[in-house]
């Protein structure tokens, strides 16, 4: 197949690009390199079936020609992180919502056979049920989660109204090598690995008993491929590991001292995907254990040499807006 990956120079997108190349597909990566890195594609950049286009999904006119003759569209481009979404909501809307509309219309105009969308489990907010099924009410706590869900609503609506074959995959806590090492304060692995490299204590939010459904990135890439190869359309599906793990367990695997910081509003004590739907419809399930995934990261810990080193003071400064806007919503 001729495939196009928006955001293909990013963390998940680059792993997906490698998988598709390995399976014999042609891959066109569309990325504006705002958060993606060209070096993430170094293993395939010279492959005869690989092409790169520096373009922005917010510019429909510039990206439209790239969709000609494309069979599968994997839409992974978007703005991530909680705090920047609170501070720059219009930018998040433009990219995650309007940008998604542009991708859908380009795919529809050229008759794409499949569109696969990277949604976010953060759209569930703080769910009432664990493991959390797809029928759980959507209650986004901040603009990033809201705009990712709005993008999903567009994808599923286009599948229904325009018969564009599309699936939305709600990703839970993806981790692995090549996860982003720069930019806004964010993913726990980037924070902890840099702290370990520098001999600093791990900054654990709350008491560390909160759990996350950590899913290894190559498993997530496989889920996208399974979705593309299927005939299913118009469905949203969770992508999770089938388990959940405490931050304290992660600390035990990494090894090091701990410094506890204030618990943050709007964060669930647990994320845990019900993955029965994707198992039944696509036959997919995660294969890399949490412990194996952490081991792979430790083997590549030097990748975090240039990443920001966070401490309680800098974290408090970086998350000030988080507490300001999400701390007491009754005011």
C-alpha atoms as a PDB file:
ATOM      1  CA  UNK A   1       0.000   0.000   0.000  1.00  0.00           C
ATOM      2  CA  UNK A   2       0.947   3.621  -0.433  1.00  0.00           C
ATOM      3  CA  UNK A   3       0.703   5.056   3.072  1.00  0.00           C
ATOM      4  CA  UNK A   4       0.864   8.562   4.535  1.00  0.00           C
ATOM      5  CA  UNK A   5       1.660   9.280   8.191  1.00  0.00           C
ATOM      6  CA  UNK A   6       0.956  12.762   9.512  1.00  0.00           C
ATOM      7  CA  UNK A   7       3.279  13.435  12.429  1.00  0.00           C
ATOM      8  CA  UNK A   8       5.460  10.592  11.189  1.00  0.00           C
ATOM      9  CA  UNK A   9       8.686  12.095  12.557  1.00  0.00           C
ATOM     10  CA  UNK A  10       7.286  11.939  16.074  1.00  0.00           C
ATOM     11  CA  UNK A  11       7.582   9.288  18.760  1.00  0.00           C
ATOM     12  CA  UNK A  12       4.819   6.911  17.692  1.00  0.00           C
ATOM     13  CA  UNK A  13       4.827   7.929  14.037  1.00  0.00           C
ATOM     14  CA  UNK A  14       8.482   7.028  13.482  1.00  0.00           C
ATOM     15  CA  UNK A  15       7.964   3.532  14.914  1.00  0.00           C
ATOM     16  CA  UNK A  16       4.899   3.109  12.711  1.00  0.00           C
ATOM     17  CA  UNK A  17       6.893   4.236   9.668  1.00  0.00           C
ATOM     18  CA  UNK A  18       9.558   1.612  10.384  1.00  0.00           C
ATOM     19  CA  UNK A  19       6.921  -1.096  10.783  1.00  0.00           C
ATOM     20  CA  UNK A  20       5.184  -0.210   7.518  1.00  0.00           C
ATOM     21  CA  UNK A  21       8.494  -0.153   5.621  1.00  0.00           C
ATOM     22  CA  UNK A  22       9.370  -3.548   7.110  1.00  0.00           C
ATOM     23  CA  UNK A  23       6.033  -4.891   5.846  1.00  0.00           C
ATOM     24  CA  UNK A  24       6.786  -3.734   2.307  1.00  0.00           C
ATOM     25  CA  UNK A  25       4.548  -0.663   2.153  1.00  0.00           C
ATOM     26  CA  UNK A  26       5.465   2.720   0.695  1.00  0.00           C
ATOM     27  CA  UNK A  27       5.633   5.410   3.379  1.00  0.00           C
ATOM     28  CA  UNK A  28       5.247   9.155   2.988  1.00  0.00           C
ATOM     29  CA  UNK A  29       5.838  11.020   6.253  1.00  0.00           C
ATOM     30  CA  UNK A  30       4.210  14.441   6.550  1.00  0.00           C
ATOM     31  CA  UNK A  31       5.606  16.461   9.454  1.00  0.00           C
ATOM     32  CA  UNK A  32       6.367  20.121  10.154  1.00  0.00           C
ATOM     33  CA  UNK A  33       9.110  19.097  12.626  1.00  0.00           C
ATOM     34  CA  UNK A  34       7.681  21.357  15.317  1.00  0.00           C
ATOM     35  CA  UNK A  35       7.900  18.518  17.807  1.00  0.00           C
ATOM     36  CA  UNK A  36       8.962  15.625  15.577  1.00  0.00           C
ATOM     37  CA  UNK A  37      12.629  15.019  14.806  1.00  0.00           C
ATOM     38  CA  UNK A  38      14.181  14.133  11.466  1.00  0.00           C
ATOM     39  CA  UNK A  39      16.668  11.915  13.323  1.00  0.00           C
ATOM     40  CA  UNK A  40      13.773   9.705  14.447  1.00  0.00           C
ATOM     41  CA  UNK A  41      13.595   8.535  10.829  1.00  0.00           C
ATOM     42  CA  UNK A  42      17.324   7.858  10.436  1.00  0.00           C
ATOM     43  CA  UNK A  43      16.890   4.082  10.124  1.00  0.00           C
ATOM     44  CA  UNK A  44      14.633   4.398   7.077  1.00  0.00           C
ATOM     45  CA  UNK A  45      15.501   7.779   5.564  1.00  0.00           C
ATOM     46  CA  UNK A  46      17.462   6.220   2.693  1.00  0.00           C
ATOM     47  CA  UNK A  47      15.008   3.409   2.017  1.00  0.00           C
ATOM     48  CA  UNK A  48      13.650   3.462  -1.556  1.00  0.00           C
ATOM     49  CA  UNK A  49      10.060   3.211  -0.308  1.00  0.00           C
ATOM     50  CA  UNK A  50      10.379   6.184   2.060  1.00  0.00           C
ATOM     51  CA  UNK A  51       9.564   9.831   1.324  1.00  0.00           C
ATOM     52  CA  UNK A  52       9.451  12.865   3.606  1.00  0.00           C
ATOM     53  CA  UNK A  53       7.457  16.072   3.217  1.00  0.00           C
ATOM     54  CA  UNK A  54       7.919  19.061   5.518  1.00  0.00           C
ATOM     55  CA  UNK A  55       4.370  20.349   5.715  1.00  0.00           C
ATOM     56  CA  UNK A  56       1.748  21.489   8.234  1.00  0.00           C
ATOM     57  CA  UNK A  57      -1.715  19.945   8.495  1.00  0.00           C
ATOM     58  CA  UNK A  58      -3.090  23.414   9.288  1.00  0.00           C
ATOM     59  CA  UNK A  59      -2.379  24.420   5.693  1.00  0.00           C
ATOM     60  CA  UNK A  60      -4.879  22.441   3.642  1.00  0.00           C
ATOM     61  CA  UNK A  61      -3.680  23.770   0.308  1.00  0.00           C
ATOM     62  CA  UNK A  62      -0.064  22.710   0.879  1.00  0.00           C
ATOM     63  CA  UNK A  63      -0.835  19.190   2.096  1.00  0.00           C
ATOM     64  CA  UNK A  64      -3.596  18.255  -0.363  1.00  0.00           C
ATOM     65  CA  UNK A  65      -1.335  17.107  -3.255  1.00  0.00           C
ATOM     66  CA  UNK A  66       0.437  14.709  -0.879  1.00  0.00           C
ATOM     67  CA  UNK A  67      -2.739  12.629  -0.547  1.00  0.00           C
ATOM     68  CA  UNK A  68      -2.991  11.723  -4.213  1.00  0.00           C
ATOM     69  CA  UNK A  69      -3.076   7.922  -4.723  1.00  0.00           C
ATOM     70  CA  UNK A  70      -2.607   7.292  -0.979  1.00  0.00           C
ATOM     71  CA  UNK A  71      -4.309   4.100   0.241  1.00  0.00           C
ATOM     72  CA  UNK A  72      -3.885   4.371   4.010  1.00  0.00           C
ATOM     73  CA  UNK A  73      -3.759   7.619   6.005  1.00  0.00           C
ATOM     74  CA  UNK A  74      -2.441   7.447   9.568  1.00  0.00           C
ATOM     75  CA  UNK A  75      -3.270  10.725  11.297  1.00  0.00           C
ATOM     76  CA  UNK A  76      -0.905  11.133  14.253  1.00  0.00           C
ATOM     77  CA  UNK A  77      -0.007  14.826  13.903  1.00  0.00           C
ATOM     78  CA  UNK A  78      -1.151  17.079  16.714  1.00  0.00           C
ATOM     79  CA  UNK A  79      -0.178  19.203  19.675  1.00  0.00           C
ATOM     80  CA  UNK A  80       0.261  17.373  22.988  1.00  0.00           C
ATOM     81  CA  UNK A  81       0.813  18.245  26.675  1.00  0.00           C
ATOM     82  CA  UNK A  82      -1.567  19.630  29.270  1.00  0.00           C
ATOM     83  CA  UNK A  83      -0.111  22.982  30.323  1.00  0.00           C
ATOM     84  CA  UNK A  84       0.527  24.430  26.838  1.00  0.00           C
ATOM     85  CA  UNK A  85      -3.030  23.495  25.882  1.00  0.00           C
ATOM     86  CA  UNK A  86      -4.336  25.542  28.826  1.00  0.00           C
ATOM     87  CA  UNK A  87      -2.154  28.489  27.863  1.00  0.00           C
ATOM     88  CA  UNK A  88      -2.664  28.302  24.071  1.00  0.00           C
ATOM     89  CA  UNK A  89      -6.121  26.808  23.467  1.00  0.00           C
ATOM     90  CA  UNK A  90      -6.589  28.389  20.040  1.00  0.00           C
ATOM     91  CA  UNK A  91      -3.392  26.809  18.723  1.00  0.00           C
ATOM     92  CA  UNK A  92      -4.533  23.421  20.003  1.00  0.00           C
ATOM     93  CA  UNK A  93      -7.925  23.875  18.360  1.00  0.00           C
ATOM     94  CA  UNK A  94      -6.351  24.915  15.061  1.00  0.00           C
ATOM     95  CA  UNK A  95      -4.032  21.907  14.958  1.00  0.00           C
ATOM     96  CA  UNK A  96      -6.005  19.142  16.629  1.00  0.00           C
ATOM     97  CA  UNK A  97      -9.451  20.035  15.294  1.00  0.00           C
ATOM     98  CA  UNK A  98      -9.107  22.159  12.150  1.00  0.00           C
ATOM     99  CA  UNK A  99      -5.970  20.244  11.148  1.00  0.00           C
ATOM    100  CA  UNK A 100      -7.855  16.973  11.507  1.00  0.00           C
ATOM    101  CA  UNK A 101     -10.653  18.350   9.323  1.00  0.00           C
ATOM    102  CA  UNK A 102      -8.060  19.202   6.657  1.00  0.00           C
ATOM    103  CA  UNK A 103      -6.640  15.675   6.760  1.00  0.00           C
ATOM    104  CA  UNK A 104     -10.094  14.116   6.482  1.00  0.00           C
ATOM    105  CA  UNK A 105     -11.085  16.269   3.531  1.00  0.00           C
ATOM    106  CA  UNK A 106      -7.839  15.569   1.705  1.00  0.00           C
ATOM    107  CA  UNK A 107      -8.274  11.847   2.319  1.00  0.00           C
ATOM    108  CA  UNK A 108     -11.893  12.007   1.130  1.00  0.00           C
ATOM    109  CA  UNK A 109     -11.074  14.028  -1.985  1.00  0.00           C
ATOM    110  CA  UNK A 110      -8.544  11.428  -3.134  1.00  0.00           C
ATOM    111  CA  UNK A 111     -10.543   8.374  -2.061  1.00  0.00           C
ATOM    112  CA  UNK A 112      -8.288   6.977   0.663  1.00  0.00           C
ATOM    113  CA  UNK A 113      -9.097   3.368   1.502  1.00  0.00           C
ATOM    114  CA  UNK A 114      -8.428   3.722   5.243  1.00  0.00           C
ATOM    115  CA  UNK A 115      -7.982   6.575   7.749  1.00  0.00           C
ATOM    116  CA  UNK A 116      -6.593   5.738  11.190  1.00  0.00           C
ATOM    117  CA  UNK A 117      -6.720   8.417  13.888  1.00  0.00           C
ATOM    118  CA  UNK A 118      -4.619   8.667  17.048  1.00  0.00           C
ATOM    119  CA  UNK A 119      -7.068   9.662  19.784  1.00  0.00           C
ATOM    120  CA  UNK A 120      -6.261  10.052  23.469  1.00  0.00           C
ATOM    121  CA  UNK A 121      -7.508   8.219  26.550  1.00  0.00           C
ATOM    122  CA  UNK A 122      -7.200  11.557  28.370  1.00  0.00           C
ATOM    123  CA  UNK A 123     -10.590  12.396  26.866  1.00  0.00           C
ATOM    124  CA  UNK A 124     -12.181  10.093  29.446  1.00  0.00           C
ATOM    125  CA  UNK A 125     -11.048  12.509  32.152  1.00  0.00           C
ATOM    126  CA  UNK A 126     -11.464  10.839  35.525  1.00  0.00           C
ATOM    127  CA  UNK A 127     -13.590   7.781  34.684  1.00  0.00           C
ATOM    128  CA  UNK A 128     -15.917   5.955  37.039  1.00  0.00           C
ATOM    129  CA  UNK A 129     -15.100   2.458  35.754  1.00  0.00           C
ATOM    130  CA  UNK A 130     -11.826   0.477  35.611  1.00  0.00           C
ATOM    131  CA  UNK A 131     -10.846  -1.070  33.312  1.00  0.00           C
ATOM    132  CA  UNK A 132     -12.417   1.703  31.252  1.00  0.00           C
ATOM    133  CA  UNK A 133     -14.543   0.634  28.251  1.00  0.00           C
ATOM    134  CA  UNK A 134     -15.206   2.760  25.174  1.00  0.00           C
ATOM    135  CA  UNK A 135     -18.773   3.383  26.384  1.00  0.00           C
ATOM    136  CA  UNK A 136     -17.463   5.439  29.309  1.00  0.00           C
ATOM    137  CA  UNK A 137     -18.652   9.081  29.256  1.00  0.00           C
ATOM    138  CA  UNK A 138     -16.204  11.542  27.747  1.00  0.00           C
ATOM    139  CA  UNK A 139     -15.192  14.162  30.335  1.00  0.00           C
ATOM    140  CA  UNK A 140     -12.052  16.000  29.184  1.00  0.00           C
ATOM    141  CA  UNK A 141     -10.349  18.016  31.913  1.00  0.00           C
ATOM    142  CA  UNK A 142      -8.236  20.373  29.765  1.00  0.00           C
ATOM    143  CA  UNK A 143      -8.064  21.666  26.165  1.00  0.00           C
ATOM    144  CA  UNK A 144      -5.643  19.024  24.881  1.00  0.00           C
ATOM    145  CA  UNK A 145      -8.032  16.223  25.846  1.00  0.00           C
ATOM    146  CA  UNK A 146     -11.021  18.161  24.521  1.00  0.00           C
ATOM    147  CA  UNK A 147      -9.468  18.913  21.131  1.00  0.00           C
ATOM    148  CA  UNK A 148      -8.292  15.317  20.672  1.00  0.00           C
ATOM    149  CA  UNK A 149     -11.847  14.148  21.285  1.00  0.00           C
ATOM    150  CA  UNK A 150     -13.242  16.754  18.901  1.00  0.00           C
ATOM    151  CA  UNK A 151     -10.851  15.377  16.283  1.00  0.00           C
ATOM    152  CA  UNK A 152     -12.196  11.896  16.962  1.00  0.00           C
ATOM    153  CA  UNK A 153     -15.766  13.120  16.589  1.00  0.00           C
ATOM    154  CA  UNK A 154     -14.872  14.467  13.152  1.00  0.00           C
ATOM    155  CA  UNK A 155     -13.258  11.182  12.122  1.00  0.00           C
ATOM    156  CA  UNK A 156     -16.239   9.085  13.187  1.00  0.00           C
ATOM    157  CA  UNK A 157     -18.697  11.552  11.645  1.00  0.00           C
ATOM    158  CA  UNK A 158     -16.874  11.457   8.310  1.00  0.00           C
ATOM    159  CA  UNK A 159     -16.972   7.654   8.471  1.00  0.00           C
ATOM    160  CA  UNK A 160     -20.728   7.784   9.041  1.00  0.00           C
ATOM    161  CA  UNK A 161     -21.795  10.558   6.671  1.00  0.00           C
ATOM    162  CA  UNK A 162     -19.224  10.289   3.877  1.00  0.00           C
ATOM    163  CA  UNK A 163     -18.518   6.556   4.221  1.00  0.00           C
ATOM    164  CA  UNK A 164     -14.811   7.279   4.646  1.00  0.00           C
ATOM    165  CA  UNK A 165     -13.406   4.030   6.112  1.00  0.00           C
ATOM    166  CA  UNK A 166     -11.965   5.241   9.409  1.00  0.00           C
ATOM    167  CA  UNK A 167     -11.092   4.031  12.901  1.00  0.00           C
ATOM    168  CA  UNK A 168     -10.134   6.021  15.987  1.00  0.00           C
ATOM    169  CA  UNK A 169      -7.640   4.458  18.387  1.00  0.00           C
ATOM    170  CA  UNK A 170      -7.720   5.843  21.936  1.00  0.00           C
ATOM    171  CA  UNK A 171      -4.141   5.498  23.120  1.00  0.00           C
ATOM    172  CA  UNK A 172      -3.259   4.936  26.766  1.00  0.00           C
ATOM    173  CA  UNK A 173       0.117   6.095  28.214  1.00  0.00           C
ATOM    174  CA  UNK A 174       2.423   5.120  25.361  1.00  0.00           C
ATOM    175  CA  UNK A 175       6.107   4.766  26.325  1.00  0.00           C
ATOM    176  CA  UNK A 176       9.321   3.623  24.722  1.00  0.00           C
ATOM    177  CA  UNK A 177      12.490   4.726  22.979  1.00  0.00           C
ATOM    178  CA  UNK A 178      12.309   8.008  21.053  1.00  0.00           C
ATOM    179  CA  UNK A 179       9.687   9.479  23.356  1.00  0.00           C
ATOM    180  CA  UNK A 180      10.023  13.241  23.339  1.00  0.00           C
ATOM    181  CA  UNK A 181      12.914  14.610  25.406  1.00  0.00           C
ATOM    182  CA  UNK A 182      12.432  18.346  24.972  1.00  0.00           C
ATOM    183  CA  UNK A 183       9.706  20.918  25.323  1.00  0.00           C
ATOM    184  CA  UNK A 184       7.076  21.365  28.005  1.00  0.00           C
ATOM    185  CA  UNK A 185       7.046  19.433  31.237  1.00  0.00           C
ATOM    186  CA  UNK A 186       5.223  16.217  30.438  1.00  0.00           C
ATOM    187  CA  UNK A 187       5.680  12.464  30.264  1.00  0.00           C
ATOM    188  CA  UNK A 188       6.899  10.702  33.371  1.00  0.00           C
ATOM    189  CA  UNK A 189       9.570   8.647  31.597  1.00  0.00           C
ATOM    190  CA  UNK A 190      11.366  11.662  30.178  1.00  0.00           C
ATOM    191  CA  UNK A 191      11.372  13.311  33.592  1.00  0.00           C
ATOM    192  CA  UNK A 192      12.576  10.233  35.477  1.00  0.00           C
ATOM    193  CA  UNK A 193      15.239   9.080  33.021  1.00  0.00           C
ATOM    194  CA  UNK A 194      16.873  12.513  32.950  1.00  0.00           C
ATOM    195  CA  UNK A 195      16.814  12.634  36.734  1.00  0.00           C
ATOM    196  CA  UNK A 196      18.421   9.195  36.906  1.00  0.00           C
ATOM    197  CA  UNK A 197      21.143  10.216  34.451  1.00  0.00           C
ATOM    198  CA  UNK A 198      21.970  13.200  36.637  1.00  0.00           C
ATOM    199  CA  UNK A 199      21.832  11.338  39.945  1.00  0.00           C
ATOM    200  CA  UNK A 200      18.832  13.341  41.125  1.00  0.00           C
ATOM    201  CA  UNK A 201      15.826  12.008  43.055  1.00  0.00           C
ATOM    202  CA  UNK A 202      12.692  11.096  41.131  1.00  0.00           C
ATOM    203  CA  UNK A 203       9.918  13.690  41.534  1.00  0.00           C
ATOM    204  CA  UNK A 204       6.892  11.527  42.284  1.00  0.00           C
ATOM    205  CA  UNK A 205       3.458  13.151  42.181  1.00  0.00           C
ATOM    206  CA  UNK A 206       1.363  12.422  45.268  1.00  0.00           C
ATOM    207  CA  UNK A 207       2.299   9.184  47.010  1.00  0.00           C
ATOM    208  CA  UNK A 208       3.184   7.215  43.868  1.00  0.00           C
ATOM    209  CA  UNK A 209       0.376   4.699  44.272  1.00  0.00           C
ATOM    210  CA  UNK A 210      -1.435   6.043  41.197  1.00  0.00           C
ATOM    211  CA  UNK A 211      -1.377   3.601  38.303  1.00  0.00           C
ATOM    212  CA  UNK A 212      -1.079   3.990  34.554  1.00  0.00           C
ATOM    213  CA  UNK A 213      -1.788   1.681  31.633  1.00  0.00           C
ATOM    214  CA  UNK A 214       1.716   1.905  30.156  1.00  0.00           C
ATOM    215  CA  UNK A 215       1.708   0.513  26.601  1.00  0.00           C
ATOM    216  CA  UNK A 216       4.939   0.017  24.664  1.00  0.00           C
ATOM    217  CA  UNK A 217       5.270   2.009  21.464  1.00  0.00           C
ATOM    218  CA  UNK A 218       5.935  -0.894  19.082  1.00  0.00           C
ATOM    219  CA  UNK A 219       2.734  -2.548  20.275  1.00  0.00           C
ATOM    220  CA  UNK A 220       0.874   0.673  19.493  1.00  0.00           C
ATOM    221  CA  UNK A 221       2.368   0.733  15.990  1.00  0.00           C
ATOM    222  CA  UNK A 222       1.115  -2.838  15.505  1.00  0.00           C
ATOM    223  CA  UNK A 223      -2.361  -1.728  16.589  1.00  0.00           C
ATOM    224  CA  UNK A 224      -2.406   0.918  13.844  1.00  0.00           C
ATOM    225  CA  UNK A 225      -1.339  -1.661  11.273  1.00  0.00           C
ATOM    226  CA  UNK A 226      -4.054  -4.089  12.419  1.00  0.00           C
ATOM    227  CA  UNK A 227      -6.611  -1.290  12.107  1.00  0.00           C
ATOM    228  CA  UNK A 228      -5.439  -0.466   8.587  1.00  0.00           C
ATOM    229  CA  UNK A 229      -5.589  -4.105   7.489  1.00  0.00           C
ATOM    230  CA  UNK A 230      -9.105  -4.602   8.837  1.00  0.00           C
ATOM    231  CA  UNK A 231     -12.475  -3.884   7.254  1.00  0.00           C
ATOM    232  CA  UNK A 232     -13.840  -2.249  10.420  1.00  0.00           C
ATOM    233  CA  UNK A 233     -14.989   1.370  10.132  1.00  0.00           C
ATOM    234  CA  UNK A 234     -16.697   4.002  12.235  1.00  0.00           C
ATOM    235  CA  UNK A 235     -15.432   2.615  15.551  1.00  0.00           C
ATOM    236  CA  UNK A 236     -13.396   4.007  18.444  1.00  0.00           C
ATOM    237  CA  UNK A 237     -11.201   1.476  20.272  1.00  0.00           C
ATOM    238  CA  UNK A 238      -8.947   1.562  23.295  1.00  0.00           C
ATOM    239  CA  UNK A 239      -5.285   0.662  22.866  1.00  0.00           C
ATOM    240  CA  UNK A 240      -3.808  -0.448  26.175  1.00  0.00           C
ATOM    241  CA  UNK A 241      -1.513  -3.025  27.690  1.00  0.00           C
ATOM    242  CA  UNK A 242      -4.224  -5.042  29.393  1.00  0.00           C
ATOM    243  CA  UNK A 243      -2.828  -4.075  32.803  1.00  0.00           C
ATOM    244  CA  UNK A 244      -1.808  -1.047  34.864  1.00  0.00           C
ATOM    245  CA  UNK A 245       1.257  -0.286  36.942  1.00  0.00           C
ATOM    246  CA  UNK A 246       1.988   2.072  39.815  1.00  0.00           C
ATOM    247  CA  UNK A 247       4.520   4.873  39.655  1.00  0.00           C
ATOM    248  CA  UNK A 248       6.145   3.288  42.704  1.00  0.00           C
ATOM    249  CA  UNK A 249       6.663   0.073  40.711  1.00  0.00           C
ATOM    250  CA  UNK A 250       8.305   2.111  37.969  1.00  0.00           C
ATOM    251  CA  UNK A 251      10.621   3.662  40.574  1.00  0.00           C
ATOM    252  CA  UNK A 252      11.557   0.175  41.802  1.00  0.00           C
ATOM    253  CA  UNK A 253      12.483  -0.828  38.239  1.00  0.00           C
ATOM    254  CA  UNK A 254      14.511   2.335  37.613  1.00  0.00           C
ATOM    255  CA  UNK A 255      16.183   2.388  41.026  1.00  0.00           C
ATOM    256  CA  UNK A 256      16.842   5.636  42.865  1.00  0.00           C
ATOM    257  CA  UNK A 257      15.759   8.066  45.572  1.00  0.00           C
ATOM    258  CA  UNK A 258      12.356   9.748  45.600  1.00  0.00           C
ATOM    259  CA  UNK A 259      11.123  13.284  46.244  1.00  0.00           C
ATOM    260  CA  UNK A 260       7.353  13.676  46.530  1.00  0.00           C
ATOM    261  CA  UNK A 261       5.546  16.656  45.006  1.00  0.00           C
ATOM    262  CA  UNK A 262       1.987  17.958  45.181  1.00  0.00           C
ATOM    263  CA  UNK A 263      -0.798  15.959  43.574  1.00  0.00           C
ATOM    264  CA  UNK A 264      -2.275  17.699  40.528  1.00  0.00           C
ATOM    265  CA  UNK A 265      -5.957  18.448  39.861  1.00  0.00           C
ATOM    266  CA  UNK A 266      -7.673  16.807  36.912  1.00  0.00           C
ATOM    267  CA  UNK A 267      -5.376  13.765  36.900  1.00  0.00           C
ATOM    268  CA  UNK A 268      -6.935  10.326  37.449  1.00  0.00           C
ATOM    269  CA  UNK A 269      -5.556   8.026  40.121  1.00  0.00           C
ATOM    270  CA  UNK A 270      -5.717   5.233  37.572  1.00  0.00           C
ATOM    271  CA  UNK A 271      -5.726   4.721  33.815  1.00  0.00           C
ATOM    272  CA  UNK A 272      -6.590   1.203  32.757  1.00  0.00           C
ATOM    273  CA  UNK A 273      -8.031   0.341  29.348  1.00  0.00           C
ATOM    274  CA  UNK A 274     -10.673  -2.261  28.721  1.00  0.00           C
ATOM    275  CA  UNK A 275      -9.189  -3.788  25.563  1.00  0.00           C
ATOM    276  CA  UNK A 276     -11.867  -6.378  24.798  1.00  0.00           C
ATOM    277  CA  UNK A 277     -13.221  -4.408  21.840  1.00  0.00           C
ATOM    278  CA  UNK A 278      -9.931  -4.174  19.958  1.00  0.00           C
ATOM    279  CA  UNK A 279      -9.154  -7.829  20.716  1.00  0.00           C
ATOM    280  CA  UNK A 280     -12.524  -8.906  19.352  1.00  0.00           C
ATOM    281  CA  UNK A 281     -12.652  -6.627  16.292  1.00  0.00           C
ATOM    282  CA  UNK A 282      -8.991  -6.536  15.265  1.00  0.00           C
ATOM    283  CA  UNK A 283      -7.396  -9.479  17.036  1.00  0.00           C
ATOM    284  CA  UNK A 284      -4.781  -7.159  18.567  1.00  0.00           C
ATOM    285  CA  UNK A 285      -3.215  -7.348  21.997  1.00  0.00           C
ATOM    286  CA  UNK A 286      -0.047  -5.930  23.504  1.00  0.00           C
ATOM    287  CA  UNK A 287       3.033  -8.141  23.494  1.00  0.00           C
ATOM    288  CA  UNK A 288       5.781  -6.191  25.294  1.00  0.00           C
ATOM    289  CA  UNK A 289       5.624  -6.395  29.080  1.00  0.00           C
ATOM    290  CA  UNK A 290       6.029  -3.273  31.179  1.00  0.00           C
ATOM    291  CA  UNK A 291       9.235  -4.617  32.703  1.00  0.00           C
ATOM    292  CA  UNK A 292      10.710  -5.392  29.285  1.00  0.00           C
ATOM    293  CA  UNK A 293       9.777  -1.941  28.023  1.00  0.00           C
ATOM    294  CA  UNK A 294      11.462  -0.232  30.974  1.00  0.00           C
ATOM    295  CA  UNK A 295      14.550  -2.384  30.411  1.00  0.00           C
ATOM    296  CA  UNK A 296      14.717  -1.230  26.785  1.00  0.00           C
ATOM    297  CA  UNK A 297      14.551   2.382  27.925  1.00  0.00           C
ATOM    298  CA  UNK A 298      17.331   1.908  30.448  1.00  0.00           C
ATOM    299  CA  UNK A 299      19.478   0.423  27.690  1.00  0.00           C
ATOM    300  CA  UNK A 300      19.000   3.711  25.796  1.00  0.00           C
ATOM    301  CA  UNK A 301      19.153   6.095  28.744  1.00  0.00           C
ATOM    302  CA  UNK A 302      21.861   8.199  27.104  1.00  0.00           C
ATOM    303  CA  UNK A 303      19.193   9.401  24.668  1.00  0.00           C
ATOM    304  CA  UNK A 304      18.029  11.688  27.491  1.00  0.00           C
ATOM    305  CA  UNK A 305      21.377  13.480  27.966  1.00  0.00           C
ATOM    306  CA  UNK A 306      20.060  16.679  26.394  1.00  0.00           C
ATOM    307  CA  UNK A 307      16.593  16.525  27.943  1.00  0.00           C
ATOM    308  CA  UNK A 308      15.462  19.130  30.516  1.00  0.00           C
ATOM    309  CA  UNK A 309      16.337  18.283  34.114  1.00  0.00           C
ATOM    310  CA  UNK A 310      13.309  18.860  36.304  1.00  0.00           C
ATOM    311  CA  UNK A 311      13.201  19.499  40.046  1.00  0.00           C
ATOM    312  CA  UNK A 312      10.329  20.500  42.374  1.00  0.00           C
ATOM    313  CA  UNK A 313      10.933  24.212  41.828  1.00  0.00           C
ATOM    314  CA  UNK A 314      10.987  24.091  38.021  1.00  0.00           C
ATOM    315  CA  UNK A 315       8.019  21.693  37.983  1.00  0.00           C
ATOM    316  CA  UNK A 316       5.996  24.084  40.157  1.00  0.00           C
ATOM    317  CA  UNK A 317       6.803  26.928  37.782  1.00  0.00           C
ATOM    318  CA  UNK A 318       5.958  24.866  34.697  1.00  0.00           C
ATOM    319  CA  UNK A 319       2.639  23.647  36.103  1.00  0.00           C
ATOM    320  CA  UNK A 320       1.450  26.922  37.609  1.00  0.00           C
ATOM    321  CA  UNK A 321      -1.280  27.300  34.995  1.00  0.00           C
ATOM    322  CA  UNK A 322      -2.382  23.733  35.677  1.00  0.00           C
ATOM    323  CA  UNK A 323      -3.223  24.558  39.284  1.00  0.00           C
ATOM    324  CA  UNK A 324      -4.555  28.008  38.409  1.00  0.00           C
ATOM    325  CA  UNK A 325      -7.165  26.791  35.942  1.00  0.00           C
ATOM    326  CA  UNK A 326      -7.913  23.257  37.096  1.00  0.00           C
ATOM    327  CA  UNK A 327      -7.456  23.603  40.852  1.00  0.00           C
ATOM    328  CA  UNK A 328     -10.843  24.908  41.960  1.00  0.00           C
ATOM    329  CA  UNK A 329     -13.495  24.990  39.266  1.00  0.00           C
ATOM    330  CA  UNK A 330     -16.202  26.216  41.621  1.00  0.00           C
ATOM    331  CA  UNK A 331     -14.707  29.709  41.848  1.00  0.00           C
END
